[in-house]
Every structure is written in structure tokens, then in C-alpha cells.
């Protein structure tokens, strides 16, 4: 929607904008926050500590291999599109290291000129920083659960209520210093002791909270990240309590398993698919039917390309395992 409506006004999507950008809820921020929270929960689900070096190696391979593949694909597309390999400005060559470690777009969002092509956007660098912090947060959570909760919550409130004072270039919802709390909440909420305290009657609270923040039309003047996190926790608890019902529906189960498998790859490729399709169309004005067809094409190409990246990544993993076992 951003590129199709705001950046390049190809069609008036004001109605869609009002559904996504509510006075007290931004569905885009909710989606990113959920990804971060679920990432923390997924890592902690195993419930065991891991040596940082071993953990970092596994995470970097899992994230950077598909990133490299997606980056190479888009680089080739850009070269073909612009008929030149000189698609970057006068950026110091040493900064390519930021691309190699997956931090180029995150640093670009912080005002640093990099070789970013927009692959993975700010999110990739943010989640990598969360992964770096994970072994330490997980250990603190296991040993000092209450103290860790109090310190992390105090930090979250402090950074969000004072965000403007720090003159950050990057928006707060994209900042690792804010998103780390959602990542920590995933670790906390998936903990067996926490889950044991969650009861079905909590739906009486969580569902109204979600509906309230979505439909209430007057701005609540507290930091957006605070409102987002309240909704994230409510969504997590709601779906946790409804998991047995949801998982019993075969269609939903197949759908979620499929998309979970390529969720990272979808995030890596979806924006450059949108950018490229809109560029090919010449940013011309579109009618209603044409806009729907373009959105459908974006979704189709994103899924196809995500599958390609995922399968190529698996081949690379297999080659790495084969060479390691020799």
C-alpha cells in the first residue's frame, strides 16, 4: 500500500489506509511486533540454554543464507532493469561489510549510507540484534525472572516515553532498543510457568482489548509502542487459548504450516517485488480492477520468489552439512 498509494500515487487506497492505520493501532506495526515476539518465543520454546557462539552460528546461517540469495536475485534484477552494474552511489567500499552481516538496511534507516537494496528492510538488522541479545536475556530470565521482567519493563517505558529526547533518526517501532522488549515478551510468555497461569477466561479481557484499540477513534496519548505491545500480548494470549480450536481446522493448519515455513523469505522479498512491479508499470494511474490485479500479482510473485529462495537456501544448507561431514 505504501508504494502503490503514498510513495507513487497509482490509486486512491484511502479506504484501505483507514482499515490499516487506526488512531490507536497500526496493523503494520502489529505485524512486525508479532514477528519479533514470536521469534523470541520460538527460540525459547526449546527451554534450554545454548552457548552463545553455537547459537550465533546457527542463527546467522539460518538468516544470512536466504538474505544473500534474495540480495543476489534483486541485484541481478536491478542490473537488468537499469542496464548497468553501477547501481550504487559514491558509497565507501568498506561499508559492504554491513551488507555481509545483514545490517545494511537497518543502518540505512539510521542515516548511514550503505549498499542496501532494501532486502529485509530495517527488520532484518533489528532481529539480528535481538538474536545477539537472546542468550543473555534467556539466562537472566531463567535465573532472575521477576527482576528481569521489572528491569526490561522499566527500560521499555523509559525509552518510549523519552524517545524524542534522544534525537533518533529511525522511528521508534523500528528501533532495536524498543523492539527488544517485544522479543523478551516472547521469551516470557512461552515460559511454562507463564503459560500455566494463562486461563481461558482471559479471552474476556484480551479480545475486548484488541477490539477497543482497533475501533476506538479518539487518539490515546501514550507512546505508540506501548499501545502496540498491549495489543501484541492480547493477541498472543488469545491465539494461545484458541490454539486447540484453530489447529483442529485442517485448512488453517495447512495454511499456517506452509507460510511459517517461508515467513522469513516472504519478508526478505516482498518489498522489492512490489517496487519492481510498480516500476515496470511506470507508476501509472490504475483503476480499481487493475489495482486489485496488481496486488494479486504482488502476492503471487512474492510467494513464488519466497519459495525459490527457501529451496535454494535448503540446497546451500545441505552443501554446508555435506562439507562439514567430510
C-alpha atoms as a PDB file:
ATOM      1  CA  UNK A   1       0.000   0.000   0.000  1.00  0.00           C
ATOM      2  CA  UNK A   2       2.848   2.384   0.856  1.00  0.00           C
ATOM      3  CA  UNK A   3       4.410   2.293  -2.617  1.00  0.00           C
ATOM      4  CA  UNK A   4       1.146   1.970  -4.546  1.00  0.00           C
ATOM      5  CA  UNK A   5      -0.704   4.759  -2.754  1.00  0.00           C
ATOM      6  CA  UNK A   6       1.639   7.053  -0.806  1.00  0.00           C
ATOM      7  CA  UNK A   7       5.082   6.964  -2.490  1.00  0.00           C
ATOM      8  CA  UNK A   8       3.740   6.635  -6.041  1.00  0.00           C
ATOM      9  CA  UNK A   9       0.035   7.578  -6.029  1.00  0.00           C
ATOM     10  CA  UNK A  10      -1.096   4.996  -8.554  1.00  0.00           C
ATOM     11  CA  UNK A  11      -4.520   4.525  -6.997  1.00  0.00           C
ATOM     12  CA  UNK A  12      -6.502   6.056  -4.159  1.00  0.00           C
ATOM     13  CA  UNK A  13      -6.356   3.494  -1.355  1.00  0.00           C
ATOM     14  CA  UNK A  14      -7.674   5.774   1.363  1.00  0.00           C
ATOM     15  CA  UNK A  15     -10.278   3.216   2.415  1.00  0.00           C
ATOM     16  CA  UNK A  16      -7.604   0.552   2.846  1.00  0.00           C
ATOM     17  CA  UNK A  17      -5.415   3.041   4.705  1.00  0.00           C
ATOM     18  CA  UNK A  18      -8.181   3.740   7.232  1.00  0.00           C
ATOM     19  CA  UNK A  19      -8.511  -0.017   7.852  1.00  0.00           C
ATOM     20  CA  UNK A  20      -4.771  -0.467   8.428  1.00  0.00           C
ATOM     21  CA  UNK A  21      -3.801   2.798  10.121  1.00  0.00           C
ATOM     22  CA  UNK A  22      -6.161   3.242  13.043  1.00  0.00           C
ATOM     23  CA  UNK A  23      -5.838   6.104  15.577  1.00  0.00           C
ATOM     24  CA  UNK A  24      -4.534   3.682  18.217  1.00  0.00           C
ATOM     25  CA  UNK A  25      -3.387   0.701  16.162  1.00  0.00           C
ATOM     26  CA  UNK A  26      -1.121   0.381  13.149  1.00  0.00           C
ATOM     27  CA  UNK A  27      -1.556  -3.090  11.656  1.00  0.00           C
ATOM     28  CA  UNK A  28       1.877  -2.851  10.029  1.00  0.00           C
ATOM     29  CA  UNK A  29       3.486  -2.213  13.419  1.00  0.00           C
ATOM     30  CA  UNK A  30       1.403  -5.037  14.879  1.00  0.00           C
ATOM     31  CA  UNK A  31       2.651  -7.468  12.204  1.00  0.00           C
ATOM     32  CA  UNK A  32       6.307  -6.524  12.771  1.00  0.00           C
ATOM     33  CA  UNK A  33       5.924  -6.650  16.547  1.00  0.00           C
ATOM     34  CA  UNK A  34       4.279 -10.074  16.361  1.00  0.00           C
ATOM     35  CA  UNK A  35       7.142 -11.360  14.214  1.00  0.00           C
ATOM     36  CA  UNK A  36       9.628 -10.138  16.829  1.00  0.00           C
ATOM     37  CA  UNK A  37       7.613 -11.533  19.756  1.00  0.00           C
ATOM     38  CA  UNK A  38       7.108 -14.904  18.066  1.00  0.00           C
ATOM     39  CA  UNK A  39      10.822 -15.029  17.199  1.00  0.00           C
ATOM     40  CA  UNK A  40      11.670 -14.725  20.899  1.00  0.00           C
ATOM     41  CA  UNK A  41       9.044 -17.302  21.807  1.00  0.00           C
ATOM     42  CA  UNK A  42      10.225 -19.757  19.142  1.00  0.00           C
ATOM     43  CA  UNK A  43      13.825 -19.622  20.345  1.00  0.00           C
ATOM     44  CA  UNK A  44      12.805 -20.044  23.991  1.00  0.00           C
ATOM     45  CA  UNK A  45      10.339 -22.845  23.233  1.00  0.00           C
ATOM     46  CA  UNK A  46      13.143 -25.416  23.455  1.00  0.00           C
ATOM     47  CA  UNK A  47      13.652 -24.240  27.034  1.00  0.00           C
ATOM     48  CA  UNK A  48      17.373 -24.867  27.168  1.00  0.00           C
ATOM     49  CA  UNK A  49      20.399 -22.623  27.322  1.00  0.00           C
ATOM     50  CA  UNK A  50      22.824 -22.631  24.431  1.00  0.00           C
ATOM     51  CA  UNK A  51      26.392 -21.418  24.228  1.00  0.00           C
ATOM     52  CA  UNK A  52      26.384 -18.001  22.516  1.00  0.00           C
ATOM     53  CA  UNK A  53      28.934 -18.966  19.831  1.00  0.00           C
ATOM     54  CA  UNK A  54      26.986 -22.083  18.821  1.00  0.00           C
ATOM     55  CA  UNK A  55      23.702 -20.183  18.899  1.00  0.00           C
ATOM     56  CA  UNK A  56      25.026 -17.285  16.816  1.00  0.00           C
ATOM     57  CA  UNK A  57      26.419 -19.638  14.201  1.00  0.00           C
ATOM     58  CA  UNK A  58      23.079 -21.407  13.742  1.00  0.00           C
ATOM     59  CA  UNK A  59      21.085 -18.166  13.644  1.00  0.00           C
ATOM     60  CA  UNK A  60      23.415 -16.391  11.247  1.00  0.00           C
ATOM     61  CA  UNK A  61      23.358 -19.308   8.832  1.00  0.00           C
ATOM     62  CA  UNK A  62      19.565 -19.530   9.018  1.00  0.00           C
ATOM     63  CA  UNK A  63      19.077 -15.808   8.386  1.00  0.00           C
ATOM     64  CA  UNK A  64      22.001 -14.717   6.222  1.00  0.00           C
ATOM     65  CA  UNK A  65      21.901 -17.526   3.635  1.00  0.00           C
ATOM     66  CA  UNK A  66      18.389 -16.618   2.385  1.00  0.00           C
ATOM     67  CA  UNK A  67      19.300 -12.930   2.711  1.00  0.00           C
ATOM     68  CA  UNK A  68      22.334 -13.370   0.444  1.00  0.00           C
ATOM     69  CA  UNK A  69      20.275 -15.306  -2.102  1.00  0.00           C
ATOM     70  CA  UNK A  70      17.492 -12.705  -2.110  1.00  0.00           C
ATOM     71  CA  UNK A  71      20.052  -9.902  -2.350  1.00  0.00           C
ATOM     72  CA  UNK A  72      21.804 -11.512  -5.341  1.00  0.00           C
ATOM     73  CA  UNK A  73      18.468 -12.093  -7.104  1.00  0.00           C
ATOM     74  CA  UNK A  74      17.419  -8.487  -6.647  1.00  0.00           C
ATOM     75  CA  UNK A  75      20.871  -7.190  -7.605  1.00  0.00           C
ATOM     76  CA  UNK A  76      20.581  -9.079 -10.913  1.00  0.00           C
ATOM     77  CA  UNK A  77      17.055  -7.732 -11.424  1.00  0.00           C
ATOM     78  CA  UNK A  78      18.257  -4.173 -10.773  1.00  0.00           C
ATOM     79  CA  UNK A  79      21.212  -4.564 -13.151  1.00  0.00           C
ATOM     80  CA  UNK A  80      18.904  -5.858 -15.899  1.00  0.00           C
ATOM     81  CA  UNK A  81      16.387  -3.113 -15.181  1.00  0.00           C
ATOM     82  CA  UNK A  82      18.870  -0.235 -15.280  1.00  0.00           C
ATOM     83  CA  UNK A  83      21.260  -1.885 -17.791  1.00  0.00           C
ATOM     84  CA  UNK A  84      24.309  -1.125 -15.639  1.00  0.00           C
ATOM     85  CA  UNK A  85      26.161  -2.702 -12.740  1.00  0.00           C
ATOM     86  CA  UNK A  86      26.752   0.739 -11.239  1.00  0.00           C
ATOM     87  CA  UNK A  87      23.513   0.895  -9.282  1.00  0.00           C
ATOM     88  CA  UNK A  88      25.016   2.408  -6.137  1.00  0.00           C
ATOM     89  CA  UNK A  89      26.087   5.962  -5.368  1.00  0.00           C
ATOM     90  CA  UNK A  90      29.502   7.009  -4.087  1.00  0.00           C
ATOM     91  CA  UNK A  91      29.475   4.784  -1.017  1.00  0.00           C
ATOM     92  CA  UNK A  92      32.811   3.768   0.571  1.00  0.00           C
ATOM     93  CA  UNK A  93      33.528   0.163  -0.463  1.00  0.00           C
ATOM     94  CA  UNK A  94      34.300  -0.953   3.094  1.00  0.00           C
ATOM     95  CA  UNK A  95      30.661  -0.419   4.022  1.00  0.00           C
ATOM     96  CA  UNK A  96      29.748  -3.531   2.064  1.00  0.00           C
ATOM     97  CA  UNK A  97      30.584  -5.321   5.306  1.00  0.00           C
ATOM     98  CA  UNK A  98      27.249  -4.026   6.602  1.00  0.00           C
ATOM     99  CA  UNK A  99      25.546  -5.964   3.806  1.00  0.00           C
ATOM    100  CA  UNK A 100      27.544  -9.087   4.593  1.00  0.00           C
ATOM    101  CA  UNK A 101      26.320  -9.032   8.204  1.00  0.00           C
ATOM    102  CA  UNK A 102      22.721  -8.191   7.247  1.00  0.00           C
ATOM    103  CA  UNK A 103      22.762  -4.758   8.848  1.00  0.00           C
ATOM    104  CA  UNK A 104      22.771  -2.556   5.743  1.00  0.00           C
ATOM    105  CA  UNK A 105      19.098  -1.568   5.654  1.00  0.00           C
ATOM    106  CA  UNK A 106      18.871  -1.101   9.429  1.00  0.00           C
ATOM    107  CA  UNK A 107      21.858   1.244   9.355  1.00  0.00           C
ATOM    108  CA  UNK A 108      20.427   2.961   6.284  1.00  0.00           C
ATOM    109  CA  UNK A 109      17.259   3.647   8.281  1.00  0.00           C
ATOM    110  CA  UNK A 110      19.554   5.194  10.895  1.00  0.00           C
ATOM    111  CA  UNK A 111      21.006   7.595   8.334  1.00  0.00           C
ATOM    112  CA  UNK A 112      24.126   5.638   7.305  1.00  0.00           C
ATOM    113  CA  UNK A 113      24.756   5.323   3.552  1.00  0.00           C
ATOM    114  CA  UNK A 114      25.127   1.613   2.749  1.00  0.00           C
ATOM    115  CA  UNK A 115      24.877  -0.796  -0.179  1.00  0.00           C
ATOM    116  CA  UNK A 116      21.335  -1.668   0.832  1.00  0.00           C
ATOM    117  CA  UNK A 117      18.854  -2.725  -1.837  1.00  0.00           C
ATOM    118  CA  UNK A 118      16.026  -2.767   0.686  1.00  0.00           C
ATOM    119  CA  UNK A 119      16.158  -6.555   1.078  1.00  0.00           C
ATOM    120  CA  UNK A 120      14.871  -7.453   4.533  1.00  0.00           C
ATOM    121  CA  UNK A 121      14.407  -3.748   5.309  1.00  0.00           C
ATOM    122  CA  UNK A 122      15.091  -2.482   8.824  1.00  0.00           C
ATOM    123  CA  UNK A 123      13.578  -5.632  10.278  1.00  0.00           C
ATOM    124  CA  UNK A 124      16.450  -7.944   9.366  1.00  0.00           C
ATOM    125  CA  UNK A 125      19.064  -5.898  11.222  1.00  0.00           C
ATOM    126  CA  UNK A 126      16.724  -5.414  14.167  1.00  0.00           C
ATOM    127  CA  UNK A 127      16.010  -9.123  14.564  1.00  0.00           C
ATOM    128  CA  UNK A 128      19.726  -9.942  14.224  1.00  0.00           C
ATOM    129  CA  UNK A 129      20.450  -7.597  17.137  1.00  0.00           C
ATOM    130  CA  UNK A 130      17.705  -9.351  19.105  1.00  0.00           C
ATOM    131  CA  UNK A 131      19.394 -12.681  18.357  1.00  0.00           C
ATOM    132  CA  UNK A 132      22.680 -11.314  19.692  1.00  0.00           C
ATOM    133  CA  UNK A 133      20.936 -10.387  22.933  1.00  0.00           C
ATOM    134  CA  UNK A 134      18.946 -13.637  23.211  1.00  0.00           C
ATOM    135  CA  UNK A 135      21.412 -15.936  25.094  1.00  0.00           C
ATOM    136  CA  UNK A 136      21.915 -13.315  27.784  1.00  0.00           C
ATOM    137  CA  UNK A 137      18.242 -12.358  28.148  1.00  0.00           C
ATOM    138  CA  UNK A 138      17.231 -16.040  28.269  1.00  0.00           C
ATOM    139  CA  UNK A 139      19.721 -16.809  31.046  1.00  0.00           C
ATOM    140  CA  UNK A 140      18.658 -13.774  33.055  1.00  0.00           C
ATOM    141  CA  UNK A 141      15.025 -14.765  32.614  1.00  0.00           C
ATOM    142  CA  UNK A 142      15.700 -18.286  33.878  1.00  0.00           C
ATOM    143  CA  UNK A 143      17.717 -17.166  36.915  1.00  0.00           C
ATOM    144  CA  UNK A 144      16.031 -13.875  37.869  1.00  0.00           C
ATOM    145  CA  UNK A 145      12.573 -13.984  36.323  1.00  0.00           C
ATOM    146  CA  UNK A 146      10.897 -11.213  38.316  1.00  0.00           C
ATOM    147  CA  UNK A 147      13.934  -8.927  38.313  1.00  0.00           C
ATOM    148  CA  UNK A 148      14.398  -9.365  34.555  1.00  0.00           C
ATOM    149  CA  UNK A 149      10.743  -8.526  33.973  1.00  0.00           C
ATOM    150  CA  UNK A 150      10.969  -5.384  36.113  1.00  0.00           C
ATOM    151  CA  UNK A 151      14.209  -4.176  34.506  1.00  0.00           C
ATOM    152  CA  UNK A 152      13.048  -4.871  30.942  1.00  0.00           C
ATOM    153  CA  UNK A 153       9.689  -3.212  31.569  1.00  0.00           C
ATOM    154  CA  UNK A 154      11.302  -0.175  33.202  1.00  0.00           C
ATOM    155  CA  UNK A 155      13.637   0.141  30.200  1.00  0.00           C
ATOM    156  CA  UNK A 156      10.741  -0.177  27.737  1.00  0.00           C
ATOM    157  CA  UNK A 157       8.743   2.539  29.466  1.00  0.00           C
ATOM    158  CA  UNK A 158      11.776   4.812  29.807  1.00  0.00           C
ATOM    159  CA  UNK A 159      12.904   4.575  26.175  1.00  0.00           C
ATOM    160  CA  UNK A 160       9.400   5.050  24.778  1.00  0.00           C
ATOM    161  CA  UNK A 161       8.323   7.933  26.991  1.00  0.00           C
ATOM    162  CA  UNK A 162      11.644   9.715  26.359  1.00  0.00           C
ATOM    163  CA  UNK A 163      12.239   8.683  22.751  1.00  0.00           C
ATOM    164  CA  UNK A 164      12.082  12.196  21.288  1.00  0.00           C
ATOM    165  CA  UNK A 165      14.835  13.398  23.626  1.00  0.00           C
ATOM    166  CA  UNK A 166      17.415  11.095  22.037  1.00  0.00           C
ATOM    167  CA  UNK A 167      17.021  12.524  18.515  1.00  0.00           C
ATOM    168  CA  UNK A 168      16.984   9.111  16.859  1.00  0.00           C
ATOM    169  CA  UNK A 169      16.594   9.183  13.091  1.00  0.00           C
ATOM    170  CA  UNK A 170      14.936   5.773  12.994  1.00  0.00           C
ATOM    171  CA  UNK A 171      11.250   5.637  14.075  1.00  0.00           C
ATOM    172  CA  UNK A 172      10.691   4.088  17.490  1.00  0.00           C
ATOM    173  CA  UNK A 173       8.838   0.997  16.222  1.00  0.00           C
ATOM    174  CA  UNK A 174      11.844   0.169  14.025  1.00  0.00           C
ATOM    175  CA  UNK A 175      14.415   0.688  16.754  1.00  0.00           C
ATOM    176  CA  UNK A 176      16.050  -2.380  18.296  1.00  0.00           C
ATOM    177  CA  UNK A 177      16.130  -0.570  21.644  1.00  0.00           C
ATOM    178  CA  UNK A 178      12.317  -0.618  21.625  1.00  0.00           C
ATOM    179  CA  UNK A 179      11.650  -3.909  19.825  1.00  0.00           C
ATOM    180  CA  UNK A 180      13.887  -5.868  22.208  1.00  0.00           C
ATOM    181  CA  UNK A 181      11.059  -5.711  24.757  1.00  0.00           C
ATOM    182  CA  UNK A 182       8.637  -7.475  22.404  1.00  0.00           C
ATOM    183  CA  UNK A 183      11.347 -10.072  21.775  1.00  0.00           C
ATOM    184  CA  UNK A 184      11.743 -10.539  25.539  1.00  0.00           C
ATOM    185  CA  UNK A 185       7.967 -10.846  25.988  1.00  0.00           C
ATOM    186  CA  UNK A 186       8.038 -13.804  23.607  1.00  0.00           C
ATOM    187  CA  UNK A 187      10.572 -15.485  25.911  1.00  0.00           C
ATOM    188  CA  UNK A 188       8.436 -14.666  28.947  1.00  0.00           C
ATOM    189  CA  UNK A 189       5.052 -15.653  27.510  1.00  0.00           C
ATOM    190  CA  UNK A 190       6.216 -19.014  26.153  1.00  0.00           C
ATOM    191  CA  UNK A 191       7.694 -19.969  29.534  1.00  0.00           C
ATOM    192  CA  UNK A 192       5.859 -22.976  31.003  1.00  0.00           C
ATOM    193  CA  UNK A 193       5.236 -21.165  34.282  1.00  0.00           C
ATOM    194  CA  UNK A 194       3.700 -18.232  32.439  1.00  0.00           C
ATOM    195  CA  UNK A 195       1.618 -20.485  30.205  1.00  0.00           C
ATOM    196  CA  UNK A 196       0.359 -22.385  33.246  1.00  0.00           C
ATOM    197  CA  UNK A 197      -1.117 -19.158  34.579  1.00  0.00           C
ATOM    198  CA  UNK A 198      -2.969 -18.354  31.352  1.00  0.00           C
ATOM    199  CA  UNK A 199      -6.608 -19.308  31.608  1.00  0.00           C
ATOM    200  CA  UNK A 200      -9.374 -19.479  29.025  1.00  0.00           C
ATOM    201  CA  UNK A 201     -11.326 -16.744  30.847  1.00  0.00           C
ATOM    202  CA  UNK A 202      -8.573 -14.265  29.888  1.00  0.00           C
ATOM    203  CA  UNK A 203     -10.270 -14.094  26.490  1.00  0.00           C
ATOM    204  CA  UNK A 204     -12.887 -11.954  28.237  1.00  0.00           C
ATOM    205  CA  UNK A 205     -10.103  -9.383  28.657  1.00  0.00           C
ATOM    206  CA  UNK A 206      -7.850  -9.863  25.653  1.00  0.00           C
ATOM    207  CA  UNK A 207     -10.462  -9.835  22.885  1.00  0.00           C
ATOM    208  CA  UNK A 208     -12.109  -6.587  24.114  1.00  0.00           C
ATOM    209  CA  UNK A 209      -8.622  -5.004  24.380  1.00  0.00           C
ATOM    210  CA  UNK A 210      -7.884  -5.843  20.745  1.00  0.00           C
ATOM    211  CA  UNK A 211     -11.277  -4.584  19.591  1.00  0.00           C
ATOM    212  CA  UNK A 212     -11.006  -1.431  21.699  1.00  0.00           C
ATOM    213  CA  UNK A 213      -7.636  -0.370  20.323  1.00  0.00           C
ATOM    214  CA  UNK A 214      -8.792  -1.078  16.777  1.00  0.00           C
ATOM    215  CA  UNK A 215     -12.184   0.626  16.833  1.00  0.00           C
ATOM    216  CA  UNK A 216     -11.692   3.478  19.336  1.00  0.00           C
ATOM    217  CA  UNK A 217     -11.467   6.579  17.149  1.00  0.00           C
ATOM    218  CA  UNK A 218     -10.030   9.088  19.604  1.00  0.00           C
ATOM    219  CA  UNK A 219      -6.262   9.194  19.945  1.00  0.00           C
ATOM    220  CA  UNK A 220      -4.936   7.824  23.236  1.00  0.00           C
ATOM    221  CA  UNK A 221      -1.886   9.942  24.017  1.00  0.00           C
ATOM    222  CA  UNK A 222       0.592   7.336  25.138  1.00  0.00           C
ATOM    223  CA  UNK A 223       3.566   6.081  23.060  1.00  0.00           C
ATOM    224  CA  UNK A 224       2.515   4.038  20.031  1.00  0.00           C
ATOM    225  CA  UNK A 225       4.877   1.225  21.006  1.00  0.00           C
ATOM    226  CA  UNK A 226       3.143   0.891  24.357  1.00  0.00           C
ATOM    227  CA  UNK A 227      -0.257   0.561  22.702  1.00  0.00           C
ATOM    228  CA  UNK A 228       1.177  -1.889  20.176  1.00  0.00           C
ATOM    229  CA  UNK A 229       2.727  -4.072  22.880  1.00  0.00           C
ATOM    230  CA  UNK A 230      -0.515  -4.223  24.870  1.00  0.00           C
ATOM    231  CA  UNK A 231      -2.252  -5.455  21.713  1.00  0.00           C
ATOM    232  CA  UNK A 232       0.569  -7.915  20.927  1.00  0.00           C
ATOM    233  CA  UNK A 233       0.271  -9.569  24.330  1.00  0.00           C
ATOM    234  CA  UNK A 234      -3.515  -9.712  23.939  1.00  0.00           C
ATOM    235  CA  UNK A 235      -3.192 -11.317  20.503  1.00  0.00           C
ATOM    236  CA  UNK A 236      -0.673 -13.878  21.784  1.00  0.00           C
ATOM    237  CA  UNK A 237      -2.843 -14.871  24.746  1.00  0.00           C
ATOM    238  CA  UNK A 238      -5.963 -15.017  22.569  1.00  0.00           C
ATOM    239  CA  UNK A 239      -4.416 -17.318  19.976  1.00  0.00           C
ATOM    240  CA  UNK A 240      -2.735 -19.434  22.647  1.00  0.00           C
ATOM    241  CA  UNK A 241      -6.078 -20.073  24.303  1.00  0.00           C
ATOM    242  CA  UNK A 242      -7.756 -20.785  20.957  1.00  0.00           C
ATOM    243  CA  UNK A 243      -4.905 -22.901  19.607  1.00  0.00           C
ATOM    244  CA  UNK A 244      -6.654 -26.247  20.069  1.00  0.00           C
ATOM    245  CA  UNK A 245      -9.689 -24.965  18.164  1.00  0.00           C
ATOM    246  CA  UNK A 246      -7.661 -23.340  15.377  1.00  0.00           C
ATOM    247  CA  UNK A 247      -5.344 -26.334  14.914  1.00  0.00           C
ATOM    248  CA  UNK A 248      -8.332 -28.649  14.535  1.00  0.00           C
ATOM    249  CA  UNK A 249      -9.311 -26.902  11.287  1.00  0.00           C
ATOM    250  CA  UNK A 250      -7.302 -28.638   8.559  1.00  0.00           C
ATOM    251  CA  UNK A 251      -7.296 -25.740   6.089  1.00  0.00           C
ATOM    252  CA  UNK A 252      -5.941 -23.274   8.640  1.00  0.00           C
ATOM    253  CA  UNK A 253      -3.379 -25.806   9.860  1.00  0.00           C
ATOM    254  CA  UNK A 254      -2.054 -26.441   6.331  1.00  0.00           C
ATOM    255  CA  UNK A 255      -2.074 -22.711   5.578  1.00  0.00           C
ATOM    256  CA  UNK A 256      -0.127 -21.744   8.711  1.00  0.00           C
ATOM    257  CA  UNK A 257       2.416 -24.557   8.357  1.00  0.00           C
ATOM    258  CA  UNK A 258       3.101 -23.548   4.756  1.00  0.00           C
ATOM    259  CA  UNK A 259       3.515 -19.842   5.455  1.00  0.00           C
ATOM    260  CA  UNK A 260       5.513 -20.391   8.634  1.00  0.00           C
ATOM    261  CA  UNK A 261       7.996 -22.330   6.523  1.00  0.00           C
ATOM    262  CA  UNK A 262       8.641 -19.348   4.226  1.00  0.00           C
ATOM    263  CA  UNK A 263       7.814 -16.434   6.547  1.00  0.00           C
ATOM    264  CA  UNK A 264      11.385 -15.098   6.643  1.00  0.00           C
ATOM    265  CA  UNK A 265      11.750 -15.434   2.880  1.00  0.00           C
ATOM    266  CA  UNK A 266       8.458 -13.584   2.333  1.00  0.00           C
ATOM    267  CA  UNK A 267       9.729 -10.744   4.470  1.00  0.00           C
ATOM    268  CA  UNK A 268      13.003 -10.634   2.535  1.00  0.00           C
ATOM    269  CA  UNK A 269      11.447 -10.427  -0.939  1.00  0.00           C
ATOM    270  CA  UNK A 270       8.019  -8.826  -0.647  1.00  0.00           C
ATOM    271  CA  UNK A 271       9.064  -5.193  -0.841  1.00  0.00           C
ATOM    272  CA  UNK A 272      11.367  -5.474  -3.805  1.00  0.00           C
ATOM    273  CA  UNK A 273       8.666  -7.417  -5.656  1.00  0.00           C
ATOM    274  CA  UNK A 274       6.295  -4.512  -5.036  1.00  0.00           C
ATOM    275  CA  UNK A 275       8.918  -1.930  -6.047  1.00  0.00           C
ATOM    276  CA  UNK A 276       9.787  -3.802  -9.243  1.00  0.00           C
ATOM    277  CA  UNK A 277       6.187  -4.390 -10.353  1.00  0.00           C
ATOM    278  CA  UNK A 278       5.298  -0.733  -9.806  1.00  0.00           C
ATOM    279  CA  UNK A 279       8.445   0.352 -11.688  1.00  0.00           C
ATOM    280  CA  UNK A 280       7.573  -1.889 -14.651  1.00  0.00           C
ATOM    281  CA  UNK A 281       4.096  -0.336 -14.696  1.00  0.00           C
ATOM    282  CA  UNK A 282       5.726   3.082 -14.924  1.00  0.00           C
ATOM    283  CA  UNK A 283       3.878   4.254 -11.803  1.00  0.00           C
ATOM    284  CA  UNK A 284       0.860   4.986 -13.999  1.00  0.00           C
ATOM    285  CA  UNK A 285      -2.554   5.656 -12.510  1.00  0.00           C
ATOM    286  CA  UNK A 286      -4.622   2.496 -12.129  1.00  0.00           C
ATOM    287  CA  UNK A 287      -8.318   1.760 -11.960  1.00  0.00           C
ATOM    288  CA  UNK A 288      -9.933  -0.290  -9.212  1.00  0.00           C
ATOM    289  CA  UNK A 289      -9.828  -3.659 -11.014  1.00  0.00           C
ATOM    290  CA  UNK A 290      -6.281  -3.047 -12.224  1.00  0.00           C
ATOM    291  CA  UNK A 291      -5.165  -2.241  -8.684  1.00  0.00           C
ATOM    292  CA  UNK A 292      -6.643  -5.488  -7.358  1.00  0.00           C
ATOM    293  CA  UNK A 293      -4.869  -7.403 -10.131  1.00  0.00           C
ATOM    294  CA  UNK A 294      -1.563  -5.706  -9.292  1.00  0.00           C
ATOM    295  CA  UNK A 295      -1.951  -6.561  -5.598  1.00  0.00           C
ATOM    296  CA  UNK A 296      -2.788 -10.163  -6.525  1.00  0.00           C
ATOM    297  CA  UNK A 297       0.273 -10.268  -8.805  1.00  0.00           C
ATOM    298  CA  UNK A 298       2.457  -8.889  -5.994  1.00  0.00           C
ATOM    299  CA  UNK A 299       1.217 -11.624  -3.646  1.00  0.00           C
ATOM    300  CA  UNK A 300       1.704 -14.357  -6.241  1.00  0.00           C
ATOM    301  CA  UNK A 301       5.233 -13.257  -7.199  1.00  0.00           C
ATOM    302  CA  UNK A 302       6.195 -12.809  -3.540  1.00  0.00           C
ATOM    303  CA  UNK A 303       5.133 -16.358  -2.650  1.00  0.00           C
ATOM    304  CA  UNK A 304       6.814 -17.852  -5.742  1.00  0.00           C
ATOM    305  CA  UNK A 305      10.053 -15.963  -5.116  1.00  0.00           C
ATOM    306  CA  UNK A 306       9.965 -16.797  -1.396  1.00  0.00           C
ATOM    307  CA  UNK A 307       9.634 -20.499  -2.259  1.00  0.00           C
ATOM    308  CA  UNK A 308      12.577 -20.222  -4.675  1.00  0.00           C
ATOM    309  CA  UNK A 309      14.745 -18.503  -2.041  1.00  0.00           C
ATOM    310  CA  UNK A 310      13.745 -21.079   0.586  1.00  0.00           C
ATOM    311  CA  UNK A 311      14.583 -24.024  -1.679  1.00  0.00           C
ATOM    312  CA  UNK A 312      17.884 -22.541  -2.794  1.00  0.00           C
ATOM    313  CA  UNK A 313      18.718 -21.897   0.856  1.00  0.00           C
ATOM    314  CA  UNK A 314      17.998 -25.536   1.699  1.00  0.00           C
ATOM    315  CA  UNK A 315      20.392 -26.609  -1.031  1.00  0.00           C
ATOM    316  CA  UNK A 316      23.081 -24.375   0.453  1.00  0.00           C
ATOM    317  CA  UNK A 317      22.422 -25.791   3.940  1.00  0.00           C
ATOM    318  CA  UNK A 318      22.722 -29.323   2.527  1.00  0.00           C
ATOM    319  CA  UNK A 319      26.038 -28.485   0.848  1.00  0.00           C
ATOM    320  CA  UNK A 320      27.331 -26.961   4.082  1.00  0.00           C
ATOM    321  CA  UNK A 321      26.331 -30.069   6.050  1.00  0.00           C
ATOM    322  CA  UNK A 322      27.923 -32.313   3.422  1.00  0.00           C
ATOM    323  CA  UNK A 323      31.220 -30.424   3.508  1.00  0.00           C
ATOM    324  CA  UNK A 324      31.180 -30.404   7.315  1.00  0.00           C
ATOM    325  CA  UNK A 325      30.696 -34.185   7.492  1.00  0.00           C
ATOM    326  CA  UNK A 326      33.584 -34.973   5.148  1.00  0.00           C
END
